[in-house]
Amino acid sequence: MAGDHPAVLTNALIGAPDGTLWIRRAGTDRSSPTTYDVVVDRRGRIVKRVLMARNERVVGLGAGTVYTVATDDDGTSSLRRHEQPR
């Protein structure tokens, strides 16, 4: 149904080496966490939803690894490496 989920952002699709597609969702307000839906098949089945701090976004995916950029209140960005959530 329309309105049940926020819209998908422009340029918000990231493909992972395992064949999944990460889709960044638009937040409902500025305090909303950054949310990614992870899709694994051509039907668009969402297998997990990944929540991050509102100031963090995925910039790359590796084998079992998620690379993010976090920007602090002063505008300083830092690259981070995380184990991919299961």
PDB file of N, CA and C in Angstrom:
ATOM      1  N   MET A   1       0.825  -1.178   0.000  1.00  0.00           N
ATOM      2  CA  MET A   1       0.000   0.000   0.000  1.00  0.00           C
ATOM      3  C   MET A   1       0.873   1.246   0.000  1.00  0.00           C
ATOM      4  N   ALA A   2       0.435   2.244  -0.694  1.00  0.00           N
ATOM      5  CA  ALA A   2       1.164   3.503  -0.719  1.00  0.00           C
ATOM      6  C   ALA A   2       1.173   4.120   0.668  1.00  0.00           C
ATOM      7  N   GLY A   3       2.309   4.681   1.036  1.00  0.00           N
ATOM      8  CA  GLY A   3       2.413   5.349   2.314  1.00  0.00           C
ATOM      9  C   GLY A   3       2.854   4.459   3.468  1.00  0.00           C
ATOM     10  N   ASP A   4       2.887   3.141   3.256  1.00  0.00           N
ATOM     11  CA  ASP A   4       3.331   2.241   4.319  1.00  0.00           C
ATOM     12  C   ASP A   4       4.833   2.339   4.559  1.00  0.00           C
ATOM     13  N   HIS A   5       5.586   2.629   3.512  1.00  0.00           N
ATOM     14  CA  HIS A   5       7.035   2.712   3.606  1.00  0.00           C
ATOM     15  C   HIS A   5       7.507   4.016   2.970  1.00  0.00           C
ATOM     16  N   PRO A   6       8.605   4.582   3.482  1.00  0.00           N
ATOM     17  CA  PRO A   6       9.130   5.788   2.858  1.00  0.00           C
ATOM     18  C   PRO A   6       9.604   5.485   1.433  1.00  0.00           C
ATOM     19  N   ALA A   7       9.707   6.515   0.640  1.00  0.00           N
ATOM     20  CA  ALA A   7      10.164   6.372  -0.742  1.00  0.00           C
ATOM     21  C   ALA A   7      11.636   5.982  -0.786  1.00  0.00           C
ATOM     22  N   VAL A   8      12.049   5.430  -1.919  1.00  0.00           N
ATOM     23  CA  VAL A   8      13.453   5.109  -2.157  1.00  0.00           C
ATOM     24  C   VAL A   8      14.145   6.373  -2.638  1.00  0.00           C
ATOM     25  N   LEU A   9      15.354   6.609  -2.151  1.00  0.00           N
ATOM     26  CA  LEU A   9      16.117   7.784  -2.551  1.00  0.00           C
ATOM     27  C   LEU A   9      16.769   7.584  -3.911  1.00  0.00           C
ATOM     28  N   THR A  10      17.023   8.675  -4.626  1.00  0.00           N
ATOM     29  CA  THR A  10      17.737   8.637  -5.899  1.00  0.00           C
ATOM     30  C   THR A  10      19.165   8.160  -5.659  1.00  0.00           C
ATOM     31  N   ASN A  11      19.690   7.333  -6.536  1.00  0.00           N
ATOM     32  CA  ASN A  11      21.051   6.795  -6.439  1.00  0.00           C
ATOM     33  C   ASN A  11      21.284   6.051  -5.126  1.00  0.00           C
ATOM     34  N   ALA A  12      20.298   5.325  -4.672  1.00  0.00           N
ATOM     35  CA  ALA A  12      20.392   4.664  -3.372  1.00  0.00           C
ATOM     36  C   ALA A  12      20.498   3.146  -3.478  1.00  0.00           C
ATOM     37  N   LEU A  13      20.860   2.617  -4.638  1.00  0.00           N
ATOM     38  CA  LEU A  13      20.981   1.173  -4.814  1.00  0.00           C
ATOM     39  C   LEU A  13      22.450   0.780  -4.816  1.00  0.00           C
ATOM     40  N   ILE A  14      22.786  -0.224  -4.011  1.00  0.00           N
ATOM     41  CA  ILE A  14      24.162  -0.709  -3.943  1.00  0.00           C
ATOM     42  C   ILE A  14      24.127  -2.228  -4.052  1.00  0.00           C
ATOM     43  N   GLY A  15      24.839  -2.767  -5.034  1.00  0.00           N
ATOM     44  CA  GLY A  15      24.925  -4.210  -5.205  1.00  0.00           C
ATOM     45  C   GLY A  15      26.066  -4.785  -4.388  1.00  0.00           C
ATOM     46  N   ALA A  16      25.835  -5.939  -3.772  1.00  0.00           N
ATOM     47  CA  ALA A  16      26.852  -6.614  -2.972  1.00  0.00           C
ATOM     48  C   ALA A  16      27.402  -7.813  -3.741  1.00  0.00           C
ATOM     49  N   PRO A  17      28.633  -8.245  -3.423  1.00  0.00           N
ATOM     50  CA  PRO A  17      29.226  -9.396  -4.106  1.00  0.00           C
ATOM     51  C   PRO A  17      28.411 -10.682  -3.958  1.00  0.00           C
ATOM     52  N   ASP A  18      27.605 -10.788  -2.907  1.00  0.00           N
ATOM     53  CA  ASP A  18      26.799 -12.000  -2.701  1.00  0.00           C
ATOM     54  C   ASP A  18      25.506 -11.997  -3.513  1.00  0.00           C
ATOM     55  N   GLY A  19      25.300 -10.962  -4.332  1.00  0.00           N
ATOM     56  CA  GLY A  19      24.122 -10.894  -5.179  1.00  0.00           C
ATOM     57  C   GLY A  19      22.950 -10.142  -4.576  1.00  0.00           C
ATOM     58  N   THR A  20      23.078  -9.693  -3.352  1.00  0.00           N
ATOM     59  CA  THR A  20      21.995  -8.925  -2.748  1.00  0.00           C
ATOM     60  C   THR A  20      22.053  -7.478  -3.228  1.00  0.00           C
ATOM     61  N   LEU A  21      20.947  -6.814  -3.099  1.00  0.00           N
ATOM     62  CA  LEU A  21      20.830  -5.405  -3.456  1.00  0.00           C
ATOM     63  C   LEU A  21      20.414  -4.651  -2.205  1.00  0.00           C
ATOM     64  N   TRP A  22      21.184  -3.626  -1.827  1.00  0.00           N
ATOM     65  CA  TRP A  22      20.874  -2.793  -0.673  1.00  0.00           C
ATOM     66  C   TRP A  22      20.195  -1.534  -1.180  1.00  0.00           C
ATOM     67  N   ILE A  23      19.035  -1.220  -0.628  1.00  0.00           N
ATOM     68  CA  ILE A  23      18.243  -0.075  -1.067  1.00  0.00           C
ATOM     69  C   ILE A  23      18.086   0.882   0.104  1.00  0.00           C
ATOM     70  N   ARG A  24      18.657   2.080  -0.032  1.00  0.00           N
ATOM     71  CA  ARG A  24      18.528   3.081   1.026  1.00  0.00           C
ATOM     72  C   ARG A  24      17.143   3.702   0.955  1.00  0.00           C
ATOM     73  N   ARG A  25      16.478   3.765   2.098  1.00  0.00           N
ATOM     74  CA  ARG A  25      15.133   4.327   2.177  1.00  0.00           C
ATOM     75  C   ARG A  25      15.193   5.767   2.660  1.00  0.00           C
ATOM     76  N   ALA A  26      14.241   6.547   2.245  1.00  0.00           N
ATOM     77  CA  ALA A  26      14.132   7.929   2.719  1.00  0.00           C
ATOM     78  C   ALA A  26      13.571   7.905   4.131  1.00  0.00           C
ATOM     79  N   GLY A  27      14.139   8.719   5.010  1.00  0.00           N
ATOM     80  CA  GLY A  27      13.635   8.814   6.378  1.00  0.00           C
ATOM     81  C   GLY A  27      12.370   9.648   6.436  1.00  0.00           C
ATOM     82  N   THR A  28      11.628   9.468   7.501  1.00  0.00           N
ATOM     83  CA  THR A  28      10.394  10.237   7.656  1.00  0.00           C
ATOM     84  C   THR A  28      10.664  11.628   8.215  1.00  0.00           C
ATOM     85  N   ASP A  29      11.810  11.792   8.895  1.00  0.00           N
ATOM     86  CA  ASP A  29      12.215  13.109   9.384  1.00  0.00           C
ATOM     87  C   ASP A  29      13.729  13.110   9.616  1.00  0.00           C
ATOM     88  N   ARG A  30      14.285  14.262   9.984  1.00  0.00           N
ATOM     89  CA  ARG A  30      15.735  14.394  10.119  1.00  0.00           C
ATOM     90  C   ARG A  30      16.320  13.557  11.248  1.00  0.00           C
ATOM     91  N   SER A  31      15.512  13.120  12.187  1.00  0.00           N
ATOM     92  CA  SER A  31      16.026  12.309  13.292  1.00  0.00           C
ATOM     93  C   SER A  31      15.899  10.806  13.019  1.00  0.00           C
ATOM     94  N   SER A  32      15.319  10.450  11.877  1.00  0.00           N
ATOM     95  CA  SER A  32      15.135   9.035  11.537  1.00  0.00           C
ATOM     96  C   SER A  32      16.481   8.361  11.288  1.00  0.00           C
ATOM     97  N   PRO A  33      16.596   7.080  11.672  1.00  0.00           N
ATOM     98  CA  PRO A  33      17.830   6.369  11.357  1.00  0.00           C
ATOM     99  C   PRO A  33      17.944   6.160   9.855  1.00  0.00           C
ATOM    100  N   THR A  34      19.153   5.950   9.376  1.00  0.00           N
ATOM    101  CA  THR A  34      19.359   5.582   7.981  1.00  0.00           C
ATOM    102  C   THR A  34      18.953   4.122   7.856  1.00  0.00           C
ATOM    103  N   THR A  35      18.079   3.821   6.904  1.00  0.00           N
ATOM    104  CA  THR A  35      17.527   2.480   6.771  1.00  0.00           C
ATOM    105  C   THR A  35      17.815   1.916   5.389  1.00  0.00           C
ATOM    106  N   TYR A  36      18.260   0.656   5.350  1.00  0.00           N
ATOM    107  CA  TYR A  36      18.482  -0.061   4.103  1.00  0.00           C
ATOM    108  C   TYR A  36      17.639  -1.320   4.108  1.00  0.00           C
ATOM    109  N   ASP A  37      16.930  -1.571   3.000  1.00  0.00           N
ATOM    110  CA  ASP A  37      16.270  -2.846   2.780  1.00  0.00           C
ATOM    111  C   ASP A  37      17.240  -3.683   1.973  1.00  0.00           C
ATOM    112  N   VAL A  38      17.410  -4.954   2.346  1.00  0.00           N
ATOM    113  CA  VAL A  38      18.310  -5.849   1.634  1.00  0.00           C
ATOM    114  C   VAL A  38      17.460  -6.860   0.884  1.00  0.00           C
ATOM    115  N   VAL A  39      17.631  -6.892  -0.448  1.00  0.00           N
ATOM    116  CA  VAL A  39      16.820  -7.708  -1.344  1.00  0.00           C
ATOM    117  C   VAL A  39      17.696  -8.809  -1.935  1.00  0.00           C
ATOM    118  N   VAL A  40      17.173 -10.039  -2.011  1.00  0.00           N
ATOM    119  CA  VAL A  40      17.987 -11.145  -2.500  1.00  0.00           C
ATOM    120  C   VAL A  40      17.489 -11.825  -3.767  1.00  0.00           C
ATOM    121  N   ASP A  41      16.328 -11.502  -4.249  1.00  0.00           N
ATOM    122  CA  ASP A  41      15.875 -12.183  -5.460  1.00  0.00           C
ATOM    123  C   ASP A  41      15.148 -11.231  -6.399  1.00  0.00           C
ATOM    124  N   ARG A  42      14.860 -11.723  -7.585  1.00  0.00           N
ATOM    125  CA  ARG A  42      14.243 -10.885  -8.621  1.00  0.00           C
ATOM    126  C   ARG A  42      12.810 -10.507  -8.298  1.00  0.00           C
ATOM    127  N   ARG A  43      12.204 -11.169  -7.361  1.00  0.00           N
ATOM    128  CA  ARG A  43      10.852 -10.813  -6.935  1.00  0.00           C
ATOM    129  C   ARG A  43      10.855  -9.602  -6.020  1.00  0.00           C
ATOM    130  N   GLY A  44      12.038  -9.208  -5.560  1.00  0.00           N
ATOM    131  CA  GLY A  44      12.138  -8.053  -4.674  1.00  0.00           C
ATOM    132  C   GLY A  44      11.872  -8.378  -3.223  1.00  0.00           C
ATOM    133  N   ARG A  45      12.070  -9.633  -2.855  1.00  0.00           N
ATOM    134  CA  ARG A  45      11.831 -10.064  -1.473  1.00  0.00           C
ATOM    135  C   ARG A  45      12.866  -9.437  -0.546  1.00  0.00           C
ATOM    136  N   ILE A  46      12.397  -8.713   0.468  1.00  0.00           N
ATOM    137  CA  ILE A  46      13.277  -8.102   1.461  1.00  0.00           C
ATOM    138  C   ILE A  46      13.566  -9.148   2.529  1.00  0.00           C
ATOM    139  N   VAL A  47      14.864  -9.430   2.731  1.00  0.00           N
ATOM    140  CA  VAL A  47      15.230 -10.452   3.706  1.00  0.00           C
ATOM    141  C   VAL A  47      15.692  -9.861   5.026  1.00  0.00           C
ATOM    142  N   LYS A  48      16.090  -8.608   5.008  1.00  0.00           N
ATOM    143  CA  LYS A  48      16.444  -7.944   6.258  1.00  0.00           C
ATOM    144  C   LYS A  48      16.393  -6.445   6.056  1.00  0.00           C
ATOM    145  N   ARG A  49      16.289  -5.774   7.156  1.00  0.00           N
ATOM    146  CA  ARG A  49      16.308  -4.311   7.174  1.00  0.00           C
ATOM    147  C   ARG A  49      17.449  -3.917   8.103  1.00  0.00           C
ATOM    148  N   VAL A  50      18.348  -3.069   7.609  1.00  0.00           N
ATOM    149  CA  VAL A  50      19.513  -2.645   8.382  1.00  0.00           C
ATOM    150  C   VAL A  50      19.326  -1.189   8.782  1.00  0.00           C
ATOM    151  N   LEU A  51      19.419  -0.909  10.079  1.00  0.00           N
ATOM    152  CA  LEU A  51      19.284   0.453  10.598  1.00  0.00           C
ATOM    153  C   LEU A  51      20.653   0.959  11.042  1.00  0.00           C
ATOM    154  N   MET A  52      20.947   2.203  10.700  1.00  0.00           N
ATOM    155  CA  MET A  52      22.201   2.852  11.082  1.00  0.00           C
ATOM    156  C   MET A  52      21.873   4.208  11.682  1.00  0.00           C
ATOM    157  N   ALA A  53      22.881   4.831  12.251  1.00  0.00           N
ATOM    158  CA  ALA A  53      22.701   6.193  12.760  1.00  0.00           C
ATOM    159  C   ALA A  53      22.283   7.093  11.599  1.00  0.00           C
ATOM    160  N   ARG A  54      21.541   8.142  11.899  1.00  0.00           N
ATOM    161  CA  ARG A  54      21.028   9.032  10.843  1.00  0.00           C
ATOM    162  C   ARG A  54      22.138   9.701  10.048  1.00  0.00           C
ATOM    163  N   ASN A  55      23.341   9.808  10.622  1.00  0.00           N
ATOM    164  CA  ASN A  55      24.449  10.491   9.951  1.00  0.00           C
ATOM    165  C   ASN A  55      25.384   9.518   9.242  1.00  0.00           C
ATOM    166  N   GLU A  56      24.970   8.262   9.074  1.00  0.00           N
ATOM    167  CA  GLU A  56      25.830   7.244   8.467  1.00  0.00           C
ATOM    168  C   GLU A  56      25.144   6.653   7.248  1.00  0.00           C
ATOM    169  N   ARG A  57      25.946   6.365   6.203  1.00  0.00           N
ATOM    170  CA  ARG A  57      25.387   5.751   4.992  1.00  0.00           C
ATOM    171  C   ARG A  57      26.384   4.772   4.411  1.00  0.00           C
ATOM    172  N   VAL A  58      25.869   3.778   3.714  1.00  0.00           N
ATOM    173  CA  VAL A  58      26.703   2.767   3.075  1.00  0.00           C
ATOM    174  C   VAL A  58      27.321   3.355   1.809  1.00  0.00           C
ATOM    175  N   VAL A  59      28.633   3.130   1.636  1.00  0.00           N
ATOM    176  CA  VAL A  59      29.313   3.584   0.420  1.00  0.00           C
ATOM    177  C   VAL A  59      29.899   2.421  -0.368  1.00  0.00           C
ATOM    178  N   GLY A  60      29.938   1.238   0.239  1.00  0.00           N
ATOM    179  CA  GLY A  60      30.450   0.072  -0.459  1.00  0.00           C
ATOM    180  C   GLY A  60      30.184  -1.200   0.318  1.00  0.00           C
ATOM    181  N   LEU A  61      30.164  -2.309  -0.422  1.00  0.00           N
ATOM    182  CA  LEU A  61      29.940  -3.615   0.183  1.00  0.00           C
ATOM    183  C   LEU A  61      30.992  -4.576  -0.331  1.00  0.00           C
ATOM    184  N   GLY A  62      31.575  -5.353   0.558  1.00  0.00           N
ATOM    185  CA  GLY A  62      32.550  -6.367   0.189  1.00  0.00           C
ATOM    186  C   GLY A  62      32.080  -7.716   0.697  1.00  0.00           C
ATOM    187  N   ALA A  63      32.920  -8.714   0.556  1.00  0.00           N
ATOM    188  CA  ALA A  63      32.573 -10.049   1.033  1.00  0.00           C
ATOM    189  C   ALA A  63      32.482 -10.018   2.558  1.00  0.00           C
ATOM    190  N   GLY A  64      31.266  -9.987   3.088  1.00  0.00           N
ATOM    191  CA  GLY A  64      31.051  -9.970   4.522  1.00  0.00           C
ATOM    192  C   GLY A  64      31.339  -8.641   5.197  1.00  0.00           C
ATOM    193  N   THR A  65      31.547  -7.592   4.413  1.00  0.00           N
ATOM    194  CA  THR A  65      31.933  -6.289   4.960  1.00  0.00           C
ATOM    195  C   THR A  65      31.040  -5.183   4.415  1.00  0.00           C
ATOM    196  N   VAL A  66      30.713  -4.229   5.287  1.00  0.00           N
ATOM    197  CA  VAL A  66      29.966  -3.031   4.889  1.00  0.00           C
ATOM    198  C   VAL A  66      30.857  -1.829   5.174  1.00  0.00           C
ATOM    199  N   TYR A  67      31.055  -0.979   4.171  1.00  0.00           N
ATOM    200  CA  TYR A  67      31.828   0.249   4.334  1.00  0.00           C
ATOM    201  C   TYR A  67      30.850   1.412   4.400  1.00  0.00           C
ATOM    202  N   THR A  68      30.989   2.237   5.433  1.00  0.00           N
ATOM    203  CA  THR A  68      30.086   3.371   5.609  1.00  0.00           C
ATOM    204  C   THR A  68      30.876   4.660   5.769  1.00  0.00           C
ATOM    205  N   VAL A  69      30.195   5.770   5.550  1.00  0.00           N
ATOM    206  CA  VAL A  69      30.730   7.088   5.853  1.00  0.00           C
ATOM    207  C   VAL A  69      29.806   7.704   6.893  1.00  0.00           C
ATOM    208  N   ALA A  70      30.406   8.186   7.968  1.00  0.00           N
ATOM    209  CA  ALA A  70      29.659   8.882   9.013  1.00  0.00           C
ATOM    210  C   ALA A  70      30.123  10.327   9.027  1.00  0.00           C
ATOM    211  N   THR A  71      29.173  11.244   9.098  1.00  0.00           N
ATOM    212  CA  THR A  71      29.479  12.670   9.124  1.00  0.00           C
ATOM    213  C   THR A  71      29.027  13.241  10.453  1.00  0.00           C
ATOM    214  N   ASP A  72      29.972  13.896  11.172  1.00  0.00           N
ATOM    215  CA  ASP A  72      29.609  14.460  12.473  1.00  0.00           C
ATOM    216  C   ASP A  72      28.964  15.831  12.306  1.00  0.00           C
ATOM    217  N   ASP A  73      28.581  16.441  13.409  1.00  0.00           N
ATOM    218  CA  ASP A  73      27.882  17.724  13.378  1.00  0.00           C
ATOM    219  C   ASP A  73      28.732  18.855  12.805  1.00  0.00           C
ATOM    220  N   ASP A  74      30.054  18.702  12.818  1.00  0.00           N
ATOM    221  CA  ASP A  74      30.952  19.713  12.244  1.00  0.00           C
ATOM    222  C   ASP A  74      31.181  19.512  10.753  1.00  0.00           C
ATOM    223  N   GLY A  75      30.604  18.453  10.183  1.00  0.00           N
ATOM    224  CA  GLY A  75      30.760  18.179   8.763  1.00  0.00           C
ATOM    225  C   GLY A  75      31.956  17.311   8.431  1.00  0.00           C
ATOM    226  N   THR A  76      32.654  16.802   9.446  1.00  0.00           N
ATOM    227  CA  THR A  76      33.798  15.928   9.220  1.00  0.00           C
ATOM    228  C   THR A  76      33.303  14.511   8.954  1.00  0.00           C
ATOM    229  N   SER A  77      33.776  13.907   7.857  1.00  0.00           N
ATOM    230  CA  SER A  77      33.358  12.564   7.488  1.00  0.00           C
ATOM    231  C   SER A  77      34.460  11.565   7.799  1.00  0.00           C
ATOM    232  N   SER A  78      34.041  10.366   8.196  1.00  0.00           N
ATOM    233  CA  SER A  78      35.015   9.307   8.440  1.00  0.00           C
ATOM    234  C   SER A  78      34.509   8.003   7.842  1.00  0.00           C
ATOM    235  N   LEU A  79      35.440   7.260   7.249  1.00  0.00           N
ATOM    236  CA  LEU A  79      35.133   5.968   6.661  1.00  0.00           C
ATOM    237  C   LEU A  79      35.173   4.911   7.747  1.00  0.00           C
ATOM    238  N   ARG A  80      34.199   4.028   7.744  1.00  0.00           N
ATOM    239  CA  ARG A  80      34.136   2.953   8.741  1.00  0.00           C
ATOM    240  C   ARG A  80      33.936   1.611   8.059  1.00  0.00           C
ATOM    241  N   ARG A  81      34.446   0.592   8.684  1.00  0.00           N
ATOM    242  CA  ARG A  81      34.297  -0.782   8.167  1.00  0.00           C
ATOM    243  C   ARG A  81      33.574  -1.604   9.227  1.00  0.00           C
ATOM    244  N   HIS A  82      32.523  -2.332   8.801  1.00  0.00           N
ATOM    245  CA  HIS A  82      31.717  -3.150   9.720  1.00  0.00           C
ATOM    246  C   HIS A  82      31.585  -4.550   9.149  1.00  0.00           C
ATOM    247  N   GLU A  83      31.405  -5.511  10.030  1.00  0.00           N
ATOM    248  CA  GLU A  83      31.044  -6.848   9.582  1.00  0.00           C
ATOM    249  C   GLU A  83      29.603  -6.785   9.097  1.00  0.00           C
ATOM    250  N   GLN A  84      29.316  -7.429   7.979  1.00  0.00           N
ATOM    251  CA  GLN A  84      27.958  -7.388   7.429  1.00  0.00           C
ATOM    252  C   GLN A  84      26.993  -8.108   8.363  1.00  0.00           C
ATOM    253  N   PRO A  85      25.872  -7.462   8.705  1.00  0.00           N
ATOM    254  CA  PRO A  85      24.905  -8.110   9.594  1.00  0.00           C
ATOM    255  C   PRO A  85      24.316  -9.363   8.953  1.00  0.00           C
ATOM    256  N   ARG A  86      24.037 -10.338   9.765  1.00  0.00           N
ATOM    257  CA  ARG A  86      23.474 -11.603   9.245  1.00  0.00           C
ATOM    258  C   ARG A  86      21.976 -11.598   9.340  1.00  0.00           C
TER     259      ARG A  86
END
